[in-house]
């Protein structure tokens, strides 16, 4: 009887885990690749951020510095790529609980351009994302761009 209970419990757990994975089939950010950049070297891994708030820009800079990118807040002419927020809307929510917390949700879309030939490489549309999810989508787009690195 104990063996039957363990087998049934195992089957139940297997079904529970598979059904949960079916609920969230595509939980990662979706980045649309428009074109591939011309090959570039490691020394050319530089970008500037345009159209972002100061907090979002600092978070992007921190994330890309971890990937050994040079990031500036404006175009100086030495950058190879541009991260342009074509639209960025921020909704602020406050939790009225015992300890008040503030949450931000970001909506809009960001594009990555190759500054050398003014070509759009990737677009990331985001709706009601946290800052962490927004950074994850930008990092995924940068990884797509890095595939052309020599």
Protein backbone atom coordinates (compact mmCIF):
# COMPACT_ATOMS: atom_id res chain seq x y z
CA UNK A 1 0.00 0.00 0.00
CA UNK A 2 2.90 2.38 0.76
CA UNK A 3 4.42 1.73 -2.65
CA UNK A 4 1.14 2.52 -4.39
CA UNK A 5 0.84 5.81 -2.43
CA UNK A 6 4.42 6.79 -3.36
CA UNK A 7 3.84 6.00 -7.02
CA UNK A 8 0.60 7.99 -7.06
CA UNK A 9 2.29 10.89 -5.26
CA UNK A 10 5.14 10.80 -7.80
CA UNK A 11 2.70 10.85 -10.71
CA UNK A 12 0.76 13.70 -9.12
CA UNK A 13 3.95 15.74 -8.60
CA UNK A 14 5.05 15.09 -12.19
CA UNK A 15 1.69 16.30 -13.51
CA UNK A 16 1.78 19.36 -11.24
CA UNK A 17 5.24 20.40 -12.44
CA UNK A 18 4.46 19.88 -16.10
CA UNK A 19 1.18 21.79 -15.87
CA UNK A 20 2.95 24.72 -14.21
CA UNK A 21 5.50 24.83 -17.01
CA UNK A 22 2.66 24.86 -19.55
CA UNK A 23 1.18 27.95 -17.90
CA UNK A 24 4.37 29.93 -18.47
CA UNK A 25 5.77 28.61 -21.76
CA UNK A 26 7.60 31.77 -22.82
CA UNK A 27 8.48 33.57 -19.64
CA UNK A 28 11.67 35.21 -20.97
CA UNK A 29 11.81 38.51 -22.82
CA UNK A 30 11.15 38.46 -26.54
CA UNK A 31 13.65 40.44 -28.57
CA UNK A 32 12.96 40.91 -32.27
CA UNK A 33 16.10 40.78 -34.39
CA UNK A 34 15.81 42.97 -37.47
CA UNK A 35 19.31 42.67 -38.93
CA UNK A 36 22.76 41.50 -37.96
CA UNK A 37 25.54 44.00 -37.35
CA UNK A 38 28.74 44.13 -39.31
CA UNK A 39 31.53 42.24 -37.57
CA UNK A 40 33.23 44.15 -34.78
CA UNK A 41 36.07 43.58 -32.35
CA UNK A 42 36.09 43.40 -28.56
CA UNK A 43 37.58 46.89 -28.45
CA UNK A 44 34.51 48.21 -30.29
CA UNK A 45 32.05 47.06 -27.59
CA UNK A 46 30.81 50.52 -26.78
CA UNK A 47 27.35 52.03 -26.67
CA UNK A 48 25.49 55.09 -25.55
CA UNK A 49 22.03 55.20 -24.00
CA UNK A 50 19.47 57.69 -25.24
CA UNK A 51 15.96 58.47 -24.02
CA UNK A 52 16.17 56.68 -20.65
CA UNK A 53 15.70 58.11 -17.21
CA UNK A 54 18.80 58.54 -15.05
CA UNK A 55 17.97 55.50 -12.92
CA UNK A 56 17.34 53.22 -15.90
CA UNK A 57 20.49 54.49 -17.61
CA UNK A 58 22.62 53.75 -14.54
CA UNK A 59 21.15 50.26 -14.30
CA UNK A 60 21.90 49.59 -17.99
CA UNK A 61 25.44 50.92 -17.58
CA UNK A 62 26.01 48.65 -14.58
CA UNK A 63 24.62 45.59 -16.42
CA UNK A 64 26.71 46.20 -19.55
CA UNK A 65 29.88 46.98 -17.60
CA UNK A 66 29.60 43.46 -16.21
CA UNK A 67 29.77 42.25 -19.83
CA UNK A 68 32.88 44.44 -20.46
CA UNK A 69 31.08 47.08 -22.52
CA UNK A 70 31.90 50.79 -22.46
CA UNK A 71 28.70 52.77 -21.89
CA UNK A 72 28.19 56.53 -22.05
CA UNK A 73 25.16 58.70 -21.46
CA UNK A 74 25.46 60.64 -24.72
CA UNK A 75 26.94 60.24 -28.15
CA UNK A 76 30.59 61.26 -28.29
CA UNK A 77 31.35 59.79 -31.70
CA UNK A 78 33.44 56.93 -30.32
CA UNK A 79 30.55 54.50 -29.77
CA UNK A 80 29.73 51.62 -32.06
CA UNK A 81 26.14 51.03 -30.91
CA UNK A 82 23.25 53.07 -29.57
CA UNK A 83 20.59 51.86 -27.14
CA UNK A 84 17.63 54.11 -27.87
CA UNK A 85 14.41 54.16 -25.88
CA UNK A 86 11.88 55.06 -28.54
CA UNK A 87 9.21 55.08 -25.84
CA UNK A 88 9.49 54.71 -22.07
CA UNK A 89 6.52 55.05 -19.73
CA UNK A 90 6.88 54.53 -15.99
CA UNK A 91 3.95 53.71 -13.71
CA UNK A 92 4.51 54.15 -9.98
CA UNK A 93 2.55 52.09 -7.49
CA UNK A 94 2.63 52.40 -3.71
CA UNK A 95 1.80 49.59 -1.33
CA UNK A 96 -0.34 50.83 1.53
CA UNK A 97 0.77 48.11 3.90
CA UNK A 98 2.49 48.38 7.28
CA UNK A 99 5.82 49.04 5.58
CA UNK A 100 5.13 51.26 2.59
CA UNK A 101 6.85 50.14 -0.61
CA UNK A 102 6.97 51.75 -4.03
CA UNK A 103 6.93 49.68 -7.23
CA UNK A 104 7.70 50.81 -10.75
CA UNK A 105 6.44 49.20 -13.96
CA UNK A 106 7.96 50.08 -17.31
CA UNK A 107 6.19 50.05 -20.67
CA UNK A 108 7.57 50.94 -24.08
CA UNK A 109 10.17 49.73 -26.51
CA UNK A 110 13.91 50.04 -26.94
CA UNK A 111 16.01 49.60 -30.06
CA UNK A 112 19.68 48.88 -30.58
CA UNK A 113 21.27 50.65 -33.53
CA UNK A 114 24.61 50.16 -35.26
CA UNK A 115 25.99 53.71 -35.30
CA UNK A 116 28.50 52.90 -38.05
CA UNK A 117 25.77 52.51 -40.67
CA UNK A 118 22.64 53.78 -38.81
CA UNK A 119 20.98 50.37 -39.05
CA UNK A 120 18.43 49.10 -36.50
CA UNK A 121 19.52 45.72 -35.17
CA UNK A 122 17.06 44.69 -32.44
CA UNK A 123 13.80 45.84 -30.90
CA UNK A 124 12.55 44.89 -27.46
CA UNK A 125 8.90 45.66 -26.68
CA UNK A 126 8.05 45.54 -23.00
CA UNK A 127 4.77 45.96 -21.17
CA UNK A 128 4.46 46.39 -17.41
CA UNK A 129 7.92 45.01 -16.72
CA UNK A 130 10.00 45.50 -13.61
CA UNK A 131 13.44 47.08 -13.92
CA UNK A 132 15.05 43.64 -13.61
CA UNK A 133 12.96 42.24 -16.46
CA UNK A 134 13.71 45.32 -18.57
CA UNK A 135 17.43 44.85 -18.02
CA UNK A 136 17.12 41.14 -18.85
CA UNK A 137 15.53 42.04 -22.21
CA UNK A 138 18.24 44.57 -23.02
CA UNK A 139 20.92 42.07 -22.05
CA UNK A 140 19.32 39.48 -24.34
CA UNK A 141 19.42 42.00 -27.21
CA UNK A 142 23.08 42.77 -26.47
CA UNK A 143 23.86 39.05 -26.52
CA UNK A 144 22.30 38.86 -29.99
CA UNK A 145 24.52 41.75 -31.09
CA UNK A 146 27.61 40.10 -29.57
CA UNK A 147 27.15 37.09 -31.86
CA UNK A 148 28.72 39.18 -34.65
CA UNK A 149 31.81 39.95 -32.60
CA UNK A 150 35.08 38.65 -34.04
